[in-house]
Amino acid sequence: MTRVAAVDCGTNSIRLLVADCDPATGELVDLDRRMTIVRLGQGVDRTGRLAPEALERTFAACREYAAIIKEHGAERLRFVATSASRDAENRDEFVRGVLDILGVEPEVISGDQEAEFSFTGATKELTGSDHLDKPYLVVDIGGGSTEFVVGEEHVRAARSVDVGCVRMTERHLVRDGAVTDPPTAEQIAAMRADIERALDLAEETVPLREARTLVGLAGSVTTVSAIAQELPEYDSERIHHSRVPYDRVREITDWLLHSTHAERAAVPSMHPGRVDVIAAGALVLLSIMERIGAEEVVVSEHDILDGIAWSVA
């Protein structure tokens, strides 16, 4: 076993995994897995820069993670940064801060690399399964971008497009500095059209409709699963490899798009940092399912973070 640490810093959240990995057997044992909502991508779509307060929230989480990594004695660490830091003019400031705190330079990876890691993390334990048809379509709905990957044991085609729960919320659902509560029909229609254009773009590279199993990753998808199961609290074990039928996704998305902030915040499995962006994330998922005719989505708690850990091991 090799003890490794992996950090995935996205547009909405930063996550840590410390795990023991055995590449020979394909076994990965979690020692610590956690997530902090830092909203690093706050305003990036509009300003092109990482906001000072967003950077400080992210650095505070990094300091907490540094203590955990030291406590567990991880032998290797890899820090991967995705959409928000890829787009920002002042990303050097972000890189310097992470290097000072964690002693490693964050790798601002491309969308294609992001997709490769997501596919590995999501499918390593599914490969060889006799109850899920191939090829898989792995969809990672992040804050700033969504990755589409089609493959069997390995990636066949991948594409990252700039639609995510934070980007869609900021672009379409914010008026006068606040999220519309609830959104208007016009706002929802504009967001839906934006998502459909992104799906057209993804289909230029990735044969989405060839997929036989849709695997959904990240917080928007896992939260939809938690709501579908009416969980009294967020429960990773019950969410991991759960299956949510299309009709249930459509019903939940419709409710989220027409609910108020208070109604969404009252959902017991809802992370406070997702209350304002979950409706956009759910609409991305629903649009994908409709595009490919998926009858259900298989939800995975294992994603890019696990892929990063395997790359270190």
C-alpha atoms as a PDB file:
ATOM      1  CA  MET A   1       0.000   0.000   0.000  1.00  0.00           C
ATOM      2  CA  THR A   2       1.108   3.547  -0.779  1.00  0.00           C
ATOM      3  CA  ARG A   3      -0.343   6.338   1.352  1.00  0.00           C
ATOM      4  CA  VAL A   4      -1.209   9.303  -0.840  1.00  0.00           C
ATOM      5  CA  ALA A   5      -3.079  12.576  -0.622  1.00  0.00           C
ATOM      6  CA  ALA A   6      -5.076  14.148  -3.435  1.00  0.00           C
ATOM      7  CA  VAL A   7      -6.598  17.621  -3.539  1.00  0.00           C
ATOM      8  CA  ASP A   8      -9.153  18.671  -6.147  1.00  0.00           C
ATOM      9  CA  CYS A   9      -9.787  22.406  -6.225  1.00  0.00           C
ATOM     10  CA  GLY A  10     -12.749  23.278  -8.403  1.00  0.00           C
ATOM     11  CA  THR A  11     -14.928  26.302  -9.011  1.00  0.00           C
ATOM     12  CA  ASN A  12     -17.279  25.717  -6.083  1.00  0.00           C
ATOM     13  CA  SER A  13     -15.496  23.367  -3.693  1.00  0.00           C
ATOM     14  CA  ILE A  14     -12.098  22.081  -2.627  1.00  0.00           C
ATOM     15  CA  ARG A  15     -11.808  18.429  -1.629  1.00  0.00           C
ATOM     16  CA  LEU A  16      -9.220  16.239   0.058  1.00  0.00           C
ATOM     17  CA  LEU A  17      -8.681  12.489  -0.082  1.00  0.00           C
ATOM     18  CA  VAL A  18      -6.031  10.710   1.974  1.00  0.00           C
ATOM     19  CA  ALA A  19      -5.975   7.031   1.059  1.00  0.00           C
ATOM     20  CA  ASP A  20      -3.951   3.847   1.004  1.00  0.00           C
ATOM     21  CA  CYS A  21      -3.673   2.594  -2.581  1.00  0.00           C
ATOM     22  CA  ASP A  22      -2.591  -0.784  -3.903  1.00  0.00           C
ATOM     23  CA  PRO A  23      -2.122  -0.487  -7.684  1.00  0.00           C
ATOM     24  CA  ALA A  24      -1.566  -4.249  -7.980  1.00  0.00           C
ATOM     25  CA  THR A  25      -5.051  -5.128  -6.676  1.00  0.00           C
ATOM     26  CA  GLY A  26      -6.929  -1.929  -7.560  1.00  0.00           C
ATOM     27  CA  GLU A  27      -7.822  -1.416  -3.899  1.00  0.00           C
ATOM     28  CA  LEU A  28      -8.188   2.113  -2.538  1.00  0.00           C
ATOM     29  CA  VAL A  29      -8.939   2.536   1.184  1.00  0.00           C
ATOM     30  CA  ASP A  30     -10.123   5.948   2.383  1.00  0.00           C
ATOM     31  CA  LEU A  31      -8.467   7.375   5.489  1.00  0.00           C
ATOM     32  CA  ASP A  32      -9.949  10.859   5.211  1.00  0.00           C
ATOM     33  CA  ARG A  33     -12.276  12.318   2.581  1.00  0.00           C
ATOM     34  CA  ARG A  34     -13.743  15.782   2.994  1.00  0.00           C
ATOM     35  CA  MET A  35     -15.114  18.726   1.087  1.00  0.00           C
ATOM     36  CA  THR A  36     -15.241  22.470   1.799  1.00  0.00           C
ATOM     37  CA  ILE A  37     -17.340  24.949  -0.191  1.00  0.00           C
ATOM     38  CA  VAL A  38     -15.000  27.876  -0.969  1.00  0.00           C
ATOM     39  CA  ARG A  39     -16.601  29.264  -4.158  1.00  0.00           C
ATOM     40  CA  LEU A  40     -13.167  29.985  -5.689  1.00  0.00           C
ATOM     41  CA  GLY A  41     -14.893  30.804  -8.981  1.00  0.00           C
ATOM     42  CA  GLN A  42     -16.947  33.637  -7.470  1.00  0.00           C
ATOM     43  CA  GLY A  43     -17.328  36.236 -10.224  1.00  0.00           C
ATOM     44  CA  VAL A  44     -14.667  34.746 -12.543  1.00  0.00           C
ATOM     45  CA  ASP A  45     -17.095  34.444 -15.459  1.00  0.00           C
ATOM     46  CA  ARG A  46     -17.782  38.201 -15.178  1.00  0.00           C
ATOM     47  CA  THR A  47     -14.416  39.666 -14.104  1.00  0.00           C
ATOM     48  CA  GLY A  48     -11.869  37.134 -15.355  1.00  0.00           C
ATOM     49  CA  ARG A  49     -10.136  37.284 -11.957  1.00  0.00           C
ATOM     50  CA  LEU A  50     -10.150  35.324  -8.688  1.00  0.00           C
ATOM     51  CA  ALA A  51     -11.700  37.517  -5.975  1.00  0.00           C
ATOM     52  CA  PRO A  52      -9.513  38.259  -2.885  1.00  0.00           C
ATOM     53  CA  GLU A  53     -12.148  36.876  -0.495  1.00  0.00           C
ATOM     54  CA  ALA A  54     -12.476  33.703  -2.614  1.00  0.00           C
ATOM     55  CA  LEU A  55      -8.710  33.197  -2.502  1.00  0.00           C
ATOM     56  CA  GLU A  56      -8.663  33.631   1.295  1.00  0.00           C
ATOM     57  CA  ARG A  57     -11.467  31.069   1.760  1.00  0.00           C
ATOM     58  CA  THR A  58      -9.499  28.636  -0.383  1.00  0.00           C
ATOM     59  CA  PHE A  59      -6.219  29.241   1.452  1.00  0.00           C
ATOM     60  CA  ALA A  60      -7.976  28.720   4.816  1.00  0.00           C
ATOM     61  CA  ALA A  61      -9.173  25.297   3.614  1.00  0.00           C
ATOM     62  CA  CYS A  62      -5.644  24.502   2.384  1.00  0.00           C
ATOM     63  CA  ARG A  63      -4.226  25.228   5.836  1.00  0.00           C
ATOM     64  CA  GLU A  64      -6.763  22.835   7.383  1.00  0.00           C
ATOM     65  CA  TYR A  65      -5.919  20.153   4.788  1.00  0.00           C
ATOM     66  CA  ALA A  66      -2.165  20.565   5.368  1.00  0.00           C
ATOM     67  CA  ALA A  67      -2.641  19.599   9.038  1.00  0.00           C
ATOM     68  CA  ILE A  68      -4.688  16.507   8.074  1.00  0.00           C
ATOM     69  CA  ILE A  69      -2.142  15.359   5.475  1.00  0.00           C
ATOM     70  CA  LYS A  70       0.663  15.724   8.041  1.00  0.00           C
ATOM     71  CA  GLU A  71      -1.344  13.852  10.682  1.00  0.00           C
ATOM     72  CA  HIS A  72      -1.875  10.854   8.387  1.00  0.00           C
ATOM     73  CA  GLY A  73       1.708  10.859   7.127  1.00  0.00           C
ATOM     74  CA  ALA A  74       0.886  10.753   3.420  1.00  0.00           C
ATOM     75  CA  GLU A  75       3.983   9.957   1.351  1.00  0.00           C
ATOM     76  CA  ARG A  76       2.919  11.863  -1.770  1.00  0.00           C
ATOM     77  CA  LEU A  77       0.559  14.723  -2.550  1.00  0.00           C
ATOM     78  CA  ARG A  78      -0.920  15.937  -5.799  1.00  0.00           C
ATOM     79  CA  PHE A  79      -2.965  19.135  -6.017  1.00  0.00           C
ATOM     80  CA  VAL A  80      -5.097  19.582  -9.105  1.00  0.00           C
ATOM     81  CA  ALA A  81      -6.952  22.785  -9.930  1.00  0.00           C
ATOM     82  CA  THR A  82      -9.719  22.972 -12.490  1.00  0.00           C
ATOM     83  CA  SER A  83     -11.987  25.417 -14.265  1.00  0.00           C
ATOM     84  CA  ALA A  84     -11.916  28.625 -12.198  1.00  0.00           C
ATOM     85  CA  SER A  85      -8.135  28.798 -11.818  1.00  0.00           C
ATOM     86  CA  ARG A  86      -7.686  27.836 -15.473  1.00  0.00           C
ATOM     87  CA  ASP A  87      -9.724  30.876 -16.554  1.00  0.00           C
ATOM     88  CA  ALA A  88      -8.393  33.530 -14.154  1.00  0.00           C
ATOM     89  CA  GLU A  89      -5.938  36.285 -15.076  1.00  0.00           C
ATOM     90  CA  ASN A  90      -4.424  36.292 -11.568  1.00  0.00           C
ATOM     91  CA  ARG A  91      -3.976  32.553 -11.223  1.00  0.00           C
ATOM     92  CA  ASP A  92      -0.282  33.083 -10.306  1.00  0.00           C
ATOM     93  CA  GLU A  93      -1.453  34.509  -6.989  1.00  0.00           C
ATOM     94  CA  PHE A  94      -3.416  31.310  -6.374  1.00  0.00           C
ATOM     95  CA  VAL A  95      -0.416  29.118  -7.292  1.00  0.00           C
ATOM     96  CA  ARG A  96       1.920  30.979  -4.920  1.00  0.00           C
ATOM     97  CA  GLY A  97      -0.531  30.726  -2.018  1.00  0.00           C
ATOM     98  CA  VAL A  98      -1.008  26.967  -2.392  1.00  0.00           C
ATOM     99  CA  LEU A  99       2.737  26.394  -2.735  1.00  0.00           C
ATOM    100  CA  ASP A 100       3.416  28.322   0.479  1.00  0.00           C
ATOM    101  CA  ILE A 101       0.814  26.347   2.464  1.00  0.00           C
ATOM    102  CA  LEU A 102       1.078  22.802   1.089  1.00  0.00           C
ATOM    103  CA  GLY A 103       4.565  22.735  -0.397  1.00  0.00           C
ATOM    104  CA  VAL A 104       3.368  21.622  -3.828  1.00  0.00           C
ATOM    105  CA  GLU A 105       2.465  23.644  -6.872  1.00  0.00           C
ATOM    106  CA  PRO A 106      -1.138  23.230  -8.001  1.00  0.00           C
ATOM    107  CA  GLU A 107      -1.417  21.705 -11.456  1.00  0.00           C
ATOM    108  CA  VAL A 108      -3.893  23.735 -13.477  1.00  0.00           C
ATOM    109  CA  ILE A 109      -4.987  20.880 -15.702  1.00  0.00           C
ATOM    110  CA  SER A 110      -6.796  20.983 -19.004  1.00  0.00           C
ATOM    111  CA  GLY A 111     -10.403  19.924 -19.378  1.00  0.00           C
ATOM    112  CA  ASP A 112      -9.260  16.767 -21.174  1.00  0.00           C
ATOM    113  CA  GLN A 113      -6.971  15.790 -18.278  1.00  0.00           C
ATOM    114  CA  GLU A 114      -9.813  16.509 -15.870  1.00  0.00           C
ATOM    115  CA  ALA A 115     -12.025  14.152 -17.850  1.00  0.00           C
ATOM    116  CA  GLU A 116      -9.409  11.371 -17.786  1.00  0.00           C
ATOM    117  CA  PHE A 117      -9.089  11.563 -14.003  1.00  0.00           C
ATOM    118  CA  SER A 118     -12.876  11.602 -13.559  1.00  0.00           C
ATOM    119  CA  PHE A 119     -13.338   8.545 -15.753  1.00  0.00           C
ATOM    120  CA  THR A 120     -10.667   6.552 -13.925  1.00  0.00           C
ATOM    121  CA  GLY A 121     -12.033   7.461 -10.516  1.00  0.00           C
ATOM    122  CA  ALA A 122     -15.634   6.685 -11.428  1.00  0.00           C
ATOM    123  CA  THR A 123     -15.183   3.453 -13.387  1.00  0.00           C
ATOM    124  CA  LYS A 124     -12.198   1.640 -11.868  1.00  0.00           C
ATOM    125  CA  GLU A 125     -14.515  -0.335  -9.580  1.00  0.00           C
ATOM    126  CA  LEU A 126     -17.245  -0.694 -12.253  1.00  0.00           C
ATOM    127  CA  THR A 127     -14.983  -2.331 -14.837  1.00  0.00           C
ATOM    128  CA  GLY A 128     -15.883  -5.995 -15.115  1.00  0.00           C
ATOM    129  CA  SER A 129     -19.332  -5.415 -13.641  1.00  0.00           C
ATOM    130  CA  ASP A 130     -21.901  -7.701 -15.258  1.00  0.00           C
ATOM    131  CA  HIS A 131     -24.926  -5.555 -14.438  1.00  0.00           C
ATOM    132  CA  LEU A 132     -23.930  -2.313 -16.167  1.00  0.00           C
ATOM    133  CA  ASP A 133     -23.755  -2.136 -19.938  1.00  0.00           C
ATOM    134  CA  LYS A 134     -20.843  -0.490 -21.752  1.00  0.00           C
ATOM    135  CA  PRO A 135     -19.828   1.947 -23.027  1.00  0.00           C
ATOM    136  CA  TYR A 136     -20.115   4.252 -20.033  1.00  0.00           C
ATOM    137  CA  LEU A 137     -20.788   7.956 -20.321  1.00  0.00           C
ATOM    138  CA  VAL A 138     -19.220   9.606 -17.286  1.00  0.00           C
ATOM    139  CA  VAL A 139     -20.533  13.113 -16.669  1.00  0.00           C
ATOM    140  CA  ASP A 140     -18.856  15.326 -14.074  1.00  0.00           C
ATOM    141  CA  ILE A 141     -21.039  18.387 -13.455  1.00  0.00           C
ATOM    142  CA  GLY A 142     -18.783  20.883 -11.709  1.00  0.00           C
ATOM    143  CA  GLY A 143     -19.138  24.506 -10.752  1.00  0.00           C
ATOM    144  CA  GLY A 144     -17.625  26.045 -13.874  1.00  0.00           C
ATOM    145  CA  SER A 145     -17.489  23.213 -16.392  1.00  0.00           C
ATOM    146  CA  THR A 146     -18.910  19.795 -17.189  1.00  0.00           C
ATOM    147  CA  GLU A 147     -16.779  16.913 -18.427  1.00  0.00           C
ATOM    148  CA  PHE A 148     -18.143  14.238 -20.767  1.00  0.00           C
ATOM    149  CA  VAL A 149     -16.193  10.999 -21.175  1.00  0.00           C
ATOM    150  CA  VAL A 150     -17.189   7.915 -23.145  1.00  0.00           C
ATOM    151  CA  GLY A 151     -15.263   4.690 -22.774  1.00  0.00           C
ATOM    152  CA  GLU A 152     -15.203   1.063 -21.765  1.00  0.00           C
ATOM    153  CA  GLU A 153     -12.149   0.095 -19.693  1.00  0.00           C
ATOM    154  CA  HIS A 154     -10.355   3.185 -21.012  1.00  0.00           C
ATOM    155  CA  VAL A 155     -11.322   6.603 -22.333  1.00  0.00           C
ATOM    156  CA  ARG A 156     -12.407   6.663 -25.954  1.00  0.00           C
ATOM    157  CA  ALA A 157     -13.464  10.311 -26.250  1.00  0.00           C
ATOM    158  CA  ALA A 158     -13.670  13.268 -23.883  1.00  0.00           C
ATOM    159  CA  ARG A 159     -14.730  16.906 -23.898  1.00  0.00           C
ATOM    160  CA  SER A 160     -15.027  19.670 -21.327  1.00  0.00           C
ATOM    161  CA  VAL A 161     -17.572  22.437 -21.877  1.00  0.00           C
ATOM    162  CA  ASP A 162     -18.151  25.629 -19.912  1.00  0.00           C
ATOM    163  CA  VAL A 163     -21.450  24.849 -18.242  1.00  0.00           C
ATOM    164  CA  GLY A 164     -21.558  24.191 -14.514  1.00  0.00           C
ATOM    165  CA  CYS A 165     -23.857  24.937 -11.602  1.00  0.00           C
ATOM    166  CA  VAL A 166     -22.047  28.126 -10.501  1.00  0.00           C
ATOM    167  CA  ARG A 167     -21.392  29.477 -13.999  1.00  0.00           C
ATOM    168  CA  MET A 168     -25.015  28.888 -15.101  1.00  0.00           C
ATOM    169  CA  THR A 169     -26.382  30.427 -11.894  1.00  0.00           C
ATOM    170  CA  GLU A 170     -24.219  33.542 -12.170  1.00  0.00           C
ATOM    171  CA  ARG A 171     -24.842  33.915 -15.903  1.00  0.00           C
ATOM    172  CA  HIS A 172     -28.612  33.420 -15.910  1.00  0.00           C
ATOM    173  CA  LEU A 173     -30.172  33.484 -12.438  1.00  0.00           C
ATOM    174  CA  VAL A 174     -28.543  36.504 -10.765  1.00  0.00           C
ATOM    175  CA  ARG A 175     -30.238  39.904 -10.867  1.00  0.00           C
ATOM    176  CA  ASP A 176     -28.934  42.953  -8.951  1.00  0.00           C
ATOM    177  CA  GLY A 177     -26.340  40.850  -7.193  1.00  0.00           C
ATOM    178  CA  ALA A 178     -28.732  38.212  -5.853  1.00  0.00           C
ATOM    179  CA  VAL A 179     -30.107  34.900  -7.119  1.00  0.00           C
ATOM    180  CA  THR A 180     -33.709  35.299  -8.328  1.00  0.00           C
ATOM    181  CA  ASP A 181     -35.971  33.508  -5.862  1.00  0.00           C
ATOM    182  CA  PRO A 182     -37.392  31.583  -7.680  1.00  0.00           C
ATOM    183  CA  PRO A 183     -36.149  32.106 -11.271  1.00  0.00           C
ATOM    184  CA  THR A 184     -38.473  33.412 -13.974  1.00  0.00           C
ATOM    185  CA  ALA A 185     -39.559  31.284 -16.930  1.00  0.00           C
ATOM    186  CA  GLU A 186     -37.400  33.487 -19.181  1.00  0.00           C
ATOM    187  CA  GLN A 187     -34.315  32.921 -17.033  1.00  0.00           C
ATOM    188  CA  ILE A 188     -34.856  29.159 -17.038  1.00  0.00           C
ATOM    189  CA  ALA A 189     -35.366  29.121 -20.825  1.00  0.00           C
ATOM    190  CA  ALA A 190     -32.159  31.099 -21.407  1.00  0.00           C
ATOM    191  CA  MET A 191     -30.199  28.759 -19.141  1.00  0.00           C
ATOM    192  CA  ARG A 192     -31.658  25.713 -20.873  1.00  0.00           C
ATOM    193  CA  ALA A 193     -30.687  27.100 -24.303  1.00  0.00           C
ATOM    194  CA  ASP A 194     -27.130  27.710 -23.052  1.00  0.00           C
ATOM    195  CA  ILE A 195     -26.896  24.121 -21.799  1.00  0.00           C
ATOM    196  CA  GLU A 196     -28.235  22.743 -25.091  1.00  0.00           C
ATOM    197  CA  ARG A 197     -25.574  24.673 -27.034  1.00  0.00           C
ATOM    198  CA  ALA A 198     -22.912  23.164 -24.782  1.00  0.00           C
ATOM    199  CA  LEU A 199     -24.302  19.677 -25.408  1.00  0.00           C
ATOM    200  CA  ASP A 200     -24.107  20.331 -29.155  1.00  0.00           C
ATOM    201  CA  LEU A 201     -20.455  21.248 -28.640  1.00  0.00           C
ATOM    202  CA  ALA A 202     -19.766  18.118 -26.586  1.00  0.00           C
ATOM    203  CA  GLU A 203     -21.365  15.919 -29.252  1.00  0.00           C
ATOM    204  CA  GLU A 204     -18.917  17.198 -31.857  1.00  0.00           C
ATOM    205  CA  THR A 205     -16.225  15.206 -30.019  1.00  0.00           C
ATOM    206  CA  VAL A 206     -17.954  12.650 -27.801  1.00  0.00           C
ATOM    207  CA  PRO A 207     -20.525  10.119 -29.085  1.00  0.00           C
ATOM    208  CA  LEU A 208     -22.922  10.771 -26.208  1.00  0.00           C
ATOM    209  CA  ARG A 209     -25.785   8.714 -27.630  1.00  0.00           C
ATOM    210  CA  GLU A 210     -23.665   5.552 -27.915  1.00  0.00           C
ATOM    211  CA  ALA A 211     -23.535   5.279 -24.118  1.00  0.00           C
ATOM    212  CA  ARG A 212     -25.428   2.424 -22.467  1.00  0.00           C
ATOM    213  CA  THR A 213     -24.796   3.488 -18.857  1.00  0.00           C
ATOM    214  CA  LEU A 214     -24.807   7.089 -17.617  1.00  0.00           C
ATOM    215  CA  VAL A 215     -22.570   7.633 -14.580  1.00  0.00           C
ATOM    216  CA  GLY A 216     -23.048  10.978 -12.833  1.00  0.00           C
ATOM    217  CA  LEU A 217     -20.441  12.625 -10.603  1.00  0.00           C
ATOM    218  CA  ALA A 218     -20.065  15.605  -8.271  1.00  0.00           C
ATOM    219  CA  GLY A 219     -22.257  17.517  -5.868  1.00  0.00           C
ATOM    220  CA  SER A 220     -25.184  18.418  -8.109  1.00  0.00           C
ATOM    221  CA  VAL A 221     -25.756  14.755  -9.015  1.00  0.00           C
ATOM    222  CA  THR A 222     -25.170  13.364  -5.520  1.00  0.00           C
ATOM    223  CA  THR A 223     -27.537  15.955  -4.043  1.00  0.00           C
ATOM    224  CA  VAL A 224     -30.259  14.990  -6.531  1.00  0.00           C
ATOM    225  CA  SER A 225     -29.783  11.373  -5.413  1.00  0.00           C
ATOM    226  CA  ALA A 226     -30.048  12.361  -1.744  1.00  0.00           C
ATOM    227  CA  ILE A 227     -33.278  14.253  -2.458  1.00  0.00           C
ATOM    228  CA  ALA A 228     -34.640  11.340  -4.518  1.00  0.00           C
ATOM    229  CA  GLN A 229     -34.033   8.969  -1.610  1.00  0.00           C
ATOM    230  CA  GLU A 230     -35.464  11.492   0.901  1.00  0.00           C
ATOM    231  CA  LEU A 231     -32.417  10.994   3.101  1.00  0.00           C
ATOM    232  CA  PRO A 232     -32.613  12.569   6.580  1.00  0.00           C
ATOM    233  CA  GLU A 233     -28.990  13.687   6.105  1.00  0.00           C
ATOM    234  CA  TYR A 234     -26.299  13.399   3.455  1.00  0.00           C
ATOM    235  CA  ASP A 235     -25.159   9.745   3.450  1.00  0.00           C
ATOM    236  CA  SER A 236     -22.305   8.881   1.075  1.00  0.00           C
ATOM    237  CA  GLU A 237     -22.770   5.129   1.446  1.00  0.00           C
ATOM    238  CA  ARG A 238     -26.426   5.262   0.398  1.00  0.00           C
ATOM    239  CA  ILE A 239     -25.703   7.704  -2.421  1.00  0.00           C
ATOM    240  CA  HIS A 240     -22.732   5.814  -3.905  1.00  0.00           C
ATOM    241  CA  HIS A 241     -23.958   3.601  -6.791  1.00  0.00           C
ATOM    242  CA  SER A 242     -27.579   4.590  -6.227  1.00  0.00           C
ATOM    243  CA  ARG A 243     -29.712   4.810  -9.359  1.00  0.00           C
ATOM    244  CA  VAL A 244     -32.101   7.669  -9.995  1.00  0.00           C
ATOM    245  CA  PRO A 245     -34.729   7.197 -12.735  1.00  0.00           C
ATOM    246  CA  TYR A 246     -35.257   9.894 -15.355  1.00  0.00           C
ATOM    247  CA  ASP A 247     -38.799  10.691 -14.147  1.00  0.00           C
ATOM    248  CA  ARG A 248     -37.513  11.354 -10.631  1.00  0.00           C
ATOM    249  CA  VAL A 249     -34.714  13.606 -11.905  1.00  0.00           C
ATOM    250  CA  ARG A 250     -37.253  15.584 -13.940  1.00  0.00           C
ATOM    251  CA  GLU A 251     -39.578  15.930 -10.934  1.00  0.00           C
ATOM    252  CA  ILE A 252     -36.773  17.073  -8.607  1.00  0.00           C
ATOM    253  CA  THR A 253     -35.358  19.522 -11.163  1.00  0.00           C
ATOM    254  CA  ASP A 254     -38.774  21.083 -11.704  1.00  0.00           C
ATOM    255  CA  TRP A 255     -39.221  21.525  -7.958  1.00  0.00           C
ATOM    256  CA  LEU A 256     -35.744  23.020  -7.495  1.00  0.00           C
ATOM    257  CA  LEU A 257     -36.284  25.515 -10.333  1.00  0.00           C
ATOM    258  CA  HIS A 258     -39.562  26.712  -8.845  1.00  0.00           C
ATOM    259  CA  SER A 259     -38.643  26.650  -5.144  1.00  0.00           C
ATOM    260  CA  THR A 260     -37.434  29.472  -2.916  1.00  0.00           C
ATOM    261  CA  HIS A 261     -34.071  29.700  -1.181  1.00  0.00           C
ATOM    262  CA  ALA A 262     -35.747  28.842   2.137  1.00  0.00           C
ATOM    263  CA  GLU A 263     -37.463  25.767   0.701  1.00  0.00           C
ATOM    264  CA  ARG A 264     -34.220  24.429  -0.765  1.00  0.00           C
ATOM    265  CA  ALA A 265     -32.284  25.208   2.412  1.00  0.00           C
ATOM    266  CA  ALA A 266     -34.826  23.167   4.390  1.00  0.00           C
ATOM    267  CA  VAL A 267     -33.884  19.957   2.525  1.00  0.00           C
ATOM    268  CA  PRO A 268     -31.996  17.975   5.221  1.00  0.00           C
ATOM    269  CA  SER A 269     -29.407  16.513   2.823  1.00  0.00           C
ATOM    270  CA  MET A 270     -28.616  19.870   1.170  1.00  0.00           C
ATOM    271  CA  HIS A 271     -25.176  21.375   1.818  1.00  0.00           C
ATOM    272  CA  PRO A 272     -25.622  25.098   2.601  1.00  0.00           C
ATOM    273  CA  GLY A 273     -23.123  25.974  -0.144  1.00  0.00           C
ATOM    274  CA  ARG A 274     -25.291  24.304  -2.794  1.00  0.00           C
ATOM    275  CA  VAL A 275     -28.627  25.939  -1.997  1.00  0.00           C
ATOM    276  CA  ASP A 276     -28.313  28.687  -4.623  1.00  0.00           C
ATOM    277  CA  VAL A 277     -26.637  26.626  -7.373  1.00  0.00           C
ATOM    278  CA  ILE A 278     -28.328  23.203  -7.156  1.00  0.00           C
ATOM    279  CA  ALA A 279     -31.212  24.105  -9.508  1.00  0.00           C
ATOM    280  CA  ALA A 280     -28.784  24.916 -12.334  1.00  0.00           C
ATOM    281  CA  GLY A 281     -26.785  21.737 -11.678  1.00  0.00           C
ATOM    282  CA  ALA A 282     -29.917  19.591 -11.718  1.00  0.00           C
ATOM    283  CA  LEU A 283     -31.016  21.176 -15.014  1.00  0.00           C
ATOM    284  CA  VAL A 284     -27.649  20.268 -16.571  1.00  0.00           C
ATOM    285  CA  LEU A 285     -28.174  16.644 -15.476  1.00  0.00           C
ATOM    286  CA  LEU A 286     -31.757  16.540 -16.761  1.00  0.00           C
ATOM    287  CA  SER A 287     -30.733  18.034 -20.113  1.00  0.00           C
ATOM    288  CA  ILE A 288     -28.033  15.389 -20.559  1.00  0.00           C
ATOM    289  CA  MET A 289     -30.457  12.565 -19.752  1.00  0.00           C
ATOM    290  CA  GLU A 290     -32.960  13.908 -22.258  1.00  0.00           C
ATOM    291  CA  ARG A 291     -30.286  14.343 -24.934  1.00  0.00           C
ATOM    292  CA  ILE A 292     -29.131  10.692 -24.738  1.00  0.00           C
ATOM    293  CA  GLY A 293     -32.453   9.121 -23.751  1.00  0.00           C
ATOM    294  CA  ALA A 294     -31.110   7.793 -20.437  1.00  0.00           C
ATOM    295  CA  GLU A 295     -33.641   5.920 -18.326  1.00  0.00           C
ATOM    296  CA  GLU A 296     -31.554   6.417 -15.179  1.00  0.00           C
ATOM    297  CA  VAL A 297     -28.302   7.834 -13.845  1.00  0.00           C
ATOM    298  CA  VAL A 298     -25.893   5.727 -11.786  1.00  0.00           C
ATOM    299  CA  VAL A 299     -24.513   8.037  -9.100  1.00  0.00           C
ATOM    300  CA  SER A 300     -20.879   7.744  -8.034  1.00  0.00           C
ATOM    301  CA  GLU A 301     -19.154   9.303  -5.050  1.00  0.00           C
ATOM    302  CA  HIS A 302     -15.849   8.272  -6.631  1.00  0.00           C
ATOM    303  CA  ASP A 303     -14.678  10.767  -9.186  1.00  0.00           C
ATOM    304  CA  ILE A 304     -11.777  13.003 -10.150  1.00  0.00           C
ATOM    305  CA  LEU A 305     -10.432  12.901  -6.577  1.00  0.00           C
ATOM    306  CA  ASP A 306     -10.010   9.117  -6.749  1.00  0.00           C
ATOM    307  CA  GLY A 307      -8.502   9.435 -10.218  1.00  0.00           C
ATOM    308  CA  ILE A 308      -5.934  11.904  -8.881  1.00  0.00           C
ATOM    309  CA  ALA A 309      -5.090   9.536  -6.005  1.00  0.00           C
ATOM    310  CA  TRP A 310      -4.547   6.652  -8.450  1.00  0.00           C
ATOM    311  CA  SER A 311      -2.282   8.848 -10.584  1.00  0.00           C
ATOM    312  CA  VAL A 312      -0.125   9.544  -7.515  1.00  0.00           C
ATOM    313  CA  ALA A 313      -0.001   5.872  -6.477  1.00  0.00           C
END
